[in-house]
Protein backbone atom coordinates (compact mmCIF):
# COMPACT_ATOMS: atom_id res chain seq x y z
CA UNK A 1 8.90 -19.10 -23.20
CA UNK A 2 6.80 -22.11 -22.21
CA UNK A 3 4.53 -23.66 -24.84
CA UNK A 4 1.15 -21.99 -25.24
CA UNK A 5 -2.03 -23.87 -24.45
CA UNK A 6 -4.46 -24.89 -27.19
CA UNK A 7 -8.08 -25.96 -27.13
CA UNK A 8 -8.44 -29.36 -28.85
CA UNK A 9 -10.50 -29.63 -32.03
CA UNK A 10 -13.02 -31.99 -30.40
CA UNK A 11 -13.27 -29.78 -27.32
CA UNK A 12 -14.08 -26.76 -29.50
CA UNK A 13 -17.16 -28.55 -30.87
CA UNK A 14 -18.70 -28.83 -27.40
CA UNK A 15 -18.10 -25.41 -25.84
CA UNK A 16 -20.79 -22.73 -25.57
CA UNK A 17 -19.64 -19.35 -24.22
CA UNK A 18 -21.49 -16.31 -22.98
CA UNK A 19 -19.58 -13.16 -23.94
CA UNK A 20 -20.32 -10.62 -21.19
CA UNK A 21 -18.94 -7.26 -22.31
CA UNK A 22 -20.15 -3.69 -22.32
CA UNK A 23 -21.46 -2.77 -25.78
CA UNK A 24 -21.17 -6.37 -27.08
CA UNK A 25 -23.54 -7.23 -29.93
CA UNK A 26 -24.19 -10.08 -32.34
CA UNK A 27 -21.93 -8.45 -34.90
CA UNK A 28 -21.65 -9.91 -38.39
CA UNK A 29 -20.24 -6.74 -39.90
CA UNK A 30 -17.67 -4.70 -37.97
CA UNK A 31 -18.76 -1.57 -36.10
CA UNK A 32 -16.88 1.72 -36.66
CA UNK A 33 -13.26 1.52 -35.56
CA UNK A 34 -13.65 4.78 -33.61
CA UNK A 35 -17.14 5.56 -32.33
CA UNK A 36 -17.68 9.29 -31.62
CA UNK A 37 -18.87 8.57 -28.05
CA UNK A 38 -17.36 5.22 -27.08
CA UNK A 39 -14.07 5.48 -28.91
CA UNK A 40 -12.58 2.14 -29.91
CA UNK A 41 -14.52 0.08 -27.37
CA UNK A 42 -17.11 -1.33 -29.79
CA UNK A 43 -14.50 -2.37 -32.32
CA UNK A 44 -12.37 -3.97 -29.60
CA UNK A 45 -15.34 -6.10 -28.49
CA UNK A 46 -15.88 -7.08 -32.13
CA UNK A 47 -12.23 -8.18 -32.40
CA UNK A 48 -12.53 -10.35 -29.29
CA UNK A 49 -15.89 -11.79 -30.37
CA UNK A 50 -14.37 -12.74 -33.74
CA UNK A 51 -11.55 -14.64 -32.03
CA UNK A 52 -13.92 -16.44 -29.67
CA UNK A 53 -16.13 -17.51 -32.57
CA UNK A 54 -13.09 -19.21 -34.12
CA UNK A 55 -12.33 -21.12 -30.90
CA UNK A 56 -15.64 -22.62 -29.68
CA UNK A 57 -18.98 -23.94 -30.92
CA UNK A 58 -21.06 -20.89 -30.04
CA UNK A 59 -20.63 -17.42 -28.54
CA UNK A 60 -23.63 -15.51 -27.22
CA UNK A 61 -23.03 -11.78 -26.63
CA UNK A 62 -24.52 -10.14 -23.55
CA UNK A 63 -24.11 -6.37 -23.22
CA UNK A 64 -25.56 -5.40 -19.82
CA UNK A 65 -25.98 -6.79 -16.33
CA UNK A 66 -29.79 -6.84 -16.34
CA UNK A 67 -29.74 -8.98 -19.47
CA UNK A 68 -27.04 -11.15 -17.88
CA UNK A 69 -29.14 -11.90 -14.81
CA UNK A 70 -32.16 -12.75 -16.97
CA UNK A 71 -30.03 -14.96 -19.22
CA UNK A 72 -28.59 -16.93 -16.32
CA UNK A 73 -32.08 -18.00 -15.19
CA UNK A 74 -32.16 -20.23 -18.26
CA UNK A 75 -29.87 -23.04 -19.38
CA UNK A 76 -26.37 -21.91 -18.34
CA UNK A 77 -23.49 -21.69 -20.81
CA UNK A 78 -20.35 -23.73 -20.26
CA UNK A 79 -18.34 -20.62 -19.47
CA UNK A 80 -18.67 -16.84 -19.08
CA UNK A 81 -16.02 -14.84 -20.95
CA UNK A 82 -16.43 -11.61 -19.04
CA UNK A 83 -14.56 -8.41 -19.78
CA UNK A 84 -17.27 -6.12 -18.39
CA UNK A 85 -15.84 -3.31 -16.28
CA UNK A 86 -18.13 -0.28 -16.60
CA UNK A 87 -21.41 0.26 -14.74
CA UNK A 88 -23.05 3.19 -12.96
CA UNK A 89 -22.23 1.88 -9.49
CA UNK A 90 -19.28 2.10 -7.13
CA UNK A 91 -16.53 -0.41 -7.94
CA UNK A 92 -18.36 -2.12 -10.81
CA UNK A 93 -15.45 -4.46 -11.49
CA UNK A 94 -16.01 -6.27 -8.21
CA UNK A 95 -19.78 -6.30 -8.76
CA UNK A 96 -19.43 -8.07 -12.11
CA UNK A 97 -17.11 -10.76 -10.84
CA UNK A 98 -19.39 -11.28 -7.82
CA UNK A 99 -22.43 -11.70 -10.08
CA UNK A 100 -20.49 -14.23 -12.17
CA UNK A 101 -19.38 -16.10 -9.05
CA UNK A 102 -22.98 -16.28 -7.83
CA UNK A 103 -24.04 -18.19 -10.96
CA UNK A 104 -21.68 -21.08 -10.21
CA UNK A 105 -20.60 -21.07 -13.87
CA UNK A 106 -16.84 -20.85 -14.52
CA UNK A 107 -15.80 -17.41 -15.77
CA UNK A 108 -12.79 -15.45 -16.99
CA UNK A 109 -10.61 -13.49 -14.61
CA UNK A 110 -9.83 -13.33 -10.93
CA UNK A 111 -12.49 -14.02 -8.29
CA UNK A 112 -14.02 -11.05 -6.41
CA UNK A 113 -11.35 -10.93 -3.71
CA UNK A 114 -8.55 -10.76 -6.31
CA UNK A 115 -10.52 -8.15 -8.27
CA UNK A 116 -10.80 -6.12 -5.06
CA UNK A 117 -7.02 -6.19 -4.61
CA UNK A 118 -6.49 -5.03 -8.18
CA UNK A 119 -8.97 -2.15 -7.93
CA UNK A 120 -7.42 -0.84 -4.67
CA UNK A 121 -4.24 0.89 -5.75
CA UNK A 122 -3.14 1.40 -2.14
CA UNK A 123 -3.53 -2.26 -1.17
CA UNK A 124 -1.68 -3.18 -4.36
CA UNK A 125 1.31 -1.10 -3.32
CA UNK A 126 1.30 -2.50 0.21
CA UNK A 127 1.32 -6.01 -1.26
CA UNK A 128 4.17 -5.15 -3.61
CA UNK A 129 6.19 -3.47 -0.88
CA UNK A 130 5.74 -6.45 1.44
CA UNK A 131 7.05 -8.66 -1.37
CA UNK A 132 10.16 -6.52 -1.75
CA UNK A 133 9.19 -4.52 -4.83
CA UNK A 134 9.89 -0.76 -4.83
CA UNK A 135 6.80 1.48 -4.83
CA UNK A 136 6.24 5.25 -4.52
CA UNK A 137 5.59 6.71 -1.06
CA UNK A 138 1.92 7.44 -0.58
CA UNK A 139 -0.99 8.24 1.69
CA UNK A 140 -4.77 7.77 1.58
CA UNK A 141 -7.41 10.46 2.20
CA UNK A 142 -11.06 9.52 2.68
CA UNK A 143 -12.31 12.70 4.37
CA UNK A 144 -11.14 16.27 3.91
CA UNK A 145 -9.78 16.36 7.46
CA UNK A 146 -7.31 13.64 6.38
CA UNK A 147 -5.60 16.45 4.47
CA UNK A 148 -4.96 18.65 7.49
CA UNK A 149 -1.35 17.44 7.77
CA UNK A 150 1.06 17.22 4.88
CA UNK A 151 2.52 13.74 4.28
CA UNK A 152 5.99 12.85 5.51
CA UNK A 153 7.33 12.60 1.94
CA UNK A 154 8.21 15.50 -0.32
CA UNK A 155 6.51 16.60 -3.50
CA UNK A 156 5.89 16.89 -6.33
CA UNK A 157 2.79 14.73 -5.83
CA UNK A 158 0.45 12.69 -7.98
CA UNK A 159 -3.20 12.72 -6.88
CA UNK A 160 -5.72 10.17 -8.17
CA UNK A 161 -8.67 8.04 -7.03
CA UNK A 162 -7.73 5.13 -4.80
CA UNK A 163 -10.16 2.81 -6.60
CA UNK A 164 -11.31 2.27 -10.14
CA UNK A 165 -10.01 1.77 -13.65
CA UNK A 166 -9.76 3.55 -16.99
CA UNK A 167 -7.91 6.59 -15.53
CA UNK A 168 -11.02 8.48 -14.45
CA UNK A 169 -10.00 11.81 -12.85
CA UNK A 170 -6.43 11.46 -14.15
CA UNK A 171 -4.95 14.23 -16.28
CA UNK A 172 -2.10 16.75 -16.13
CA UNK A 173 -3.86 18.40 -13.17
CA UNK A 174 -3.14 15.22 -11.18
CA UNK A 175 0.49 16.41 -11.01
CA UNK A 176 0.83 18.83 -8.10
CA UNK A 177 4.11 20.61 -7.49
CA UNK A 178 3.51 21.36 -3.81
CA UNK A 179 1.29 20.31 -0.91
CA UNK A 180 -1.28 23.17 -1.19
CA UNK A 181 -1.95 22.16 -4.81
CA UNK A 182 -2.12 18.48 -3.89
CA UNK A 183 -4.46 19.22 -1.01
CA UNK A 184 -6.79 21.23 -3.25
CA UNK A 185 -6.84 18.50 -5.91
CA UNK A 186 -7.52 15.80 -3.33
CA UNK A 187 -10.29 17.87 -1.73
CA UNK A 188 -11.99 18.17 -5.12
CA UNK A 189 -11.92 14.39 -5.60
CA UNK A 190 -13.29 13.79 -2.09
CA UNK A 191 -16.10 16.30 -2.74
CA UNK A 192 -16.95 14.22 -5.83
CA UNK A 193 -17.23 11.03 -3.79
CA UNK A 194 -13.80 9.56 -4.40
CA UNK A 195 -11.33 8.12 -1.90
CA UNK A 196 -7.94 9.57 -2.79
CA UNK A 197 -4.42 8.23 -3.15
CA UNK A 198 -1.65 10.83 -2.94
CA UNK A 199 1.79 9.64 -4.00
CA UNK A 200 5.27 10.98 -4.53
CA UNK A 201 5.47 11.63 -8.26
CA UNK A 202 7.51 8.90 -9.93
CA UNK A 203 9.47 10.46 -12.76
CA UNK A 204 10.03 8.51 -15.94
CA UNK A 205 7.97 6.37 -18.31
CA UNK A 206 5.12 3.89 -17.88
CA UNK A 207 6.12 0.34 -18.78
CA UNK A 208 3.68 -2.56 -18.41
CA UNK A 209 4.32 -6.29 -18.40
CA UNK A 210 1.48 -8.45 -19.77
CA UNK A 211 1.23 -11.85 -18.06
CA UNK A 212 -0.78 -14.84 -19.25
CA UNK A 213 -1.99 -17.64 -17.01
CA UNK A 214 0.73 -20.15 -16.28
CA UNK A 215 2.30 -17.69 -15.63
CA UNK A 216 3.81 -16.55 -18.93
CA UNK A 217 5.35 -13.06 -18.96
CA UNK A 218 5.22 -11.34 -22.36
CA UNK A 219 7.57 -8.65 -23.61
CA UNK A 220 7.18 -5.37 -21.66
CA UNK A 221 5.44 -2.49 -23.39
CA UNK A 222 6.40 1.19 -23.09
CA UNK A 223 3.34 3.45 -22.93
CA UNK A 224 4.24 6.92 -24.21
CA UNK A 225 2.03 9.97 -23.76
CA UNK A 226 2.71 13.50 -24.95
CA UNK A 227 1.20 14.95 -21.78
CA UNK A 228 3.28 16.19 -18.86
CA UNK A 229 5.21 13.38 -17.14
CA UNK A 230 3.66 10.92 -19.60
CA UNK A 231 0.22 11.07 -17.99
CA UNK A 232 -2.42 8.95 -19.76
CA UNK A 233 -6.04 10.08 -19.62
CA UNK A 234 -9.30 8.16 -19.96
CA UNK A 235 -10.08 9.83 -23.30
CA UNK A 236 -6.64 8.87 -24.65
CA UNK A 237 -7.17 5.27 -23.58
CA UNK A 238 -10.50 5.20 -25.40
CA UNK A 239 -8.87 6.65 -28.55
CA UNK A 240 -11.03 9.77 -28.32
CA UNK A 241 -7.95 11.98 -28.02
CA UNK A 242 -4.49 11.55 -29.61
CA UNK A 243 -1.07 11.66 -28.01
CA UNK A 244 -0.64 8.17 -26.56
CA UNK A 245 0.90 5.04 -28.02
CA UNK A 246 2.39 1.72 -26.93
CA UNK A 247 5.52 0.08 -28.29
CA UNK A 248 7.80 -2.81 -27.29
CA UNK A 249 10.20 -1.71 -24.54
CA UNK A 250 13.62 -1.42 -26.16
CA UNK A 251 15.94 -1.98 -23.16
CA UNK A 252 16.41 -5.75 -23.42
CA UNK A 253 18.26 -6.19 -20.12
CA UNK A 254 15.79 -4.13 -18.12
CA UNK A 255 12.90 -5.81 -19.93
CA UNK A 256 13.97 -9.15 -18.50
CA UNK A 257 14.28 -7.65 -15.01
CA UNK A 258 10.77 -6.19 -15.27
CA UNK A 259 9.39 -9.54 -16.43
CA UNK A 260 10.88 -11.27 -13.40
CA UNK A 261 9.49 -8.60 -11.08
CA UNK A 262 6.05 -9.01 -12.66
CA UNK A 263 6.18 -12.79 -12.29
CA UNK A 264 7.18 -12.43 -8.65
CA UNK A 265 4.20 -10.17 -8.00
CA UNK A 266 1.88 -12.47 -9.95
CA UNK A 267 2.38 -15.13 -7.27
CA UNK A 268 0.30 -12.88 -4.98
CA UNK A 269 -2.60 -12.48 -7.41
CA UNK A 270 -3.62 -16.07 -8.08
CA UNK A 271 -6.02 -17.36 -9.25
CA UNK A 272 -6.08 -15.19 -12.33
CA UNK A 273 -6.15 -15.92 -16.05
CA UNK A 274 -4.32 -12.90 -17.47
CA UNK A 275 -3.16 -9.54 -16.15
CA UNK A 276 -0.80 -6.60 -16.57
CA UNK A 277 1.69 -5.36 -14.00
CA UNK A 278 2.43 -1.64 -14.43
CA UNK A 279 5.75 -0.02 -13.58
CA UNK A 280 7.30 3.43 -13.76
CA UNK A 281 10.83 3.35 -15.16
CA UNK A 282 13.08 6.30 -14.27
CA UNK A 283 15.79 7.73 -16.56
CA UNK A 284 18.45 6.00 -14.43
CA UNK A 285 16.71 2.59 -15.21
CA UNK A 286 15.42 2.17 -11.67
CA UNK A 287 11.74 1.29 -11.47
CA UNK A 288 8.78 1.29 -9.12
CA UNK A 289 5.61 -0.76 -9.33
CA UNK A 290 2.36 1.19 -9.67
CA UNK A 291 -0.57 -1.22 -10.00
CA UNK A 292 -1.94 -4.32 -11.68
CA UNK A 293 -4.96 -4.92 -13.90
CA UNK A 294 -6.82 -8.22 -14.19
CA UNK A 295 -9.33 -7.25 -16.90
CA UNK A 296 -6.99 -5.71 -19.42
CA UNK A 297 -8.01 -4.22 -22.74
CA UNK A 298 -7.72 -6.94 -25.39
CA UNK A 299 -7.65 -4.70 -28.47
CA UNK A 300 -5.10 -5.55 -31.12
CA UNK A 301 -3.71 -2.03 -30.60
CA UNK A 302 -3.26 -2.20 -26.83
CA UNK A 303 -0.53 -3.36 -24.47
CA UNK A 304 -1.59 -7.00 -24.06
CA UNK A 305 -1.37 -7.63 -27.79
CA UNK A 306 1.68 -5.40 -28.34
CA UNK A 307 3.51 -7.50 -25.75
CA UNK A 308 2.23 -10.71 -27.34
CA UNK A 309 3.34 -9.71 -30.83
CA UNK A 310 6.76 -8.69 -29.52
CA UNK A 311 6.95 -12.21 -28.03
CA UNK A 312 6.01 -13.86 -31.34
CA UNK A 313 2.41 -14.60 -30.29
CA UNK A 314 -0.64 -13.69 -32.36
CA UNK A 315 -3.71 -12.01 -30.92
CA UNK A 316 -5.71 -15.21 -31.48
CA UNK A 317 -3.08 -17.43 -29.83
CA UNK A 318 -2.88 -15.14 -26.80
CA UNK A 319 -6.63 -15.28 -26.19
CA UNK A 320 -6.76 -19.02 -26.85
CA UNK A 321 -3.99 -19.61 -24.30
CA UNK A 322 -5.55 -17.77 -21.39
CA UNK A 323 -9.03 -19.04 -22.26
CA UNK A 324 -7.71 -22.62 -22.28
CA UNK A 325 -5.84 -21.95 -19.03
CA UNK A 326 -9.02 -20.64 -17.43
CA UNK A 327 -11.11 -23.56 -18.70
CA UNK A 328 -8.59 -26.05 -17.31
CA UNK A 329 -8.17 -24.19 -14.05
CA UNK A 330 -11.89 -24.39 -13.38
CA UNK A 331 -12.39 -27.96 -14.54
CA UNK A 332 -14.26 -27.28 -17.78
CA UNK A 333 -11.50 -28.90 -19.83
CA UNK A 334 -9.20 -31.74 -18.81
CA UNK A 335 -5.44 -31.16 -18.82
């Protein structure tokens, strides 16, 4: 693995960051590890804030977009560390990165056009397929009449929103054994304002490869869920329901192959400071790429950090590396 980047001691004394994150506060004492409504999200933001405070001169939390726009009318920070990906609008991830881009201040993550690629699971698969990576067969439905004809690939099917994050509308009901069931599920999503992606169900296990700017591929992480076909729900991801865990992927040979596949795909997603590339690994060790995420959860308990620890990298060193990479990439710090 290539050497990780560090922020110099003198550079730390001159960096002021704005921490743009849903639910972020000026915490001095930790919030509850599991909040009854928000799950682990508050504690995760506290963990990240604590790391940032150890790396730079000052960190100013900002917890909503109205406050962000007011704040940016004043003296700008040196950098916006933004991990904000929830808002009551369509495709909020792209909105946030667009608002950051409009300020002219360097910020964490991919620019709006890269964010748009990541949030569109269909475009992601077309990109991967064009680059030679295997992906599940699929089709898109925007209107109910798009469901009049069955797709030219066989079931069982997996039905989910085309856009968005956090596994909204994903549960065991997303698995449909035949076309009538898939059509009914897709029609429900369309009626609720979602564009739909219908895919051939990929049997096996979810395995994700965390990648830091550079790029540096970390050890792959197996995501195991007790639900049918290993489905992971939004409530599981927020630690509001049990039955899901991540652990270092044990197949060493296949782990290396997945890392190389992730690095190959990462060439298509630049510029970006850190990301995950998600795969589905079948029992016969074949795999298909599913999607990528450019604003990954940075909790100590989640895949980014599990992959870092399995690679001998601490949570603090992981964040420092991609923060330093981002600062250098955008000219805030010299090489």
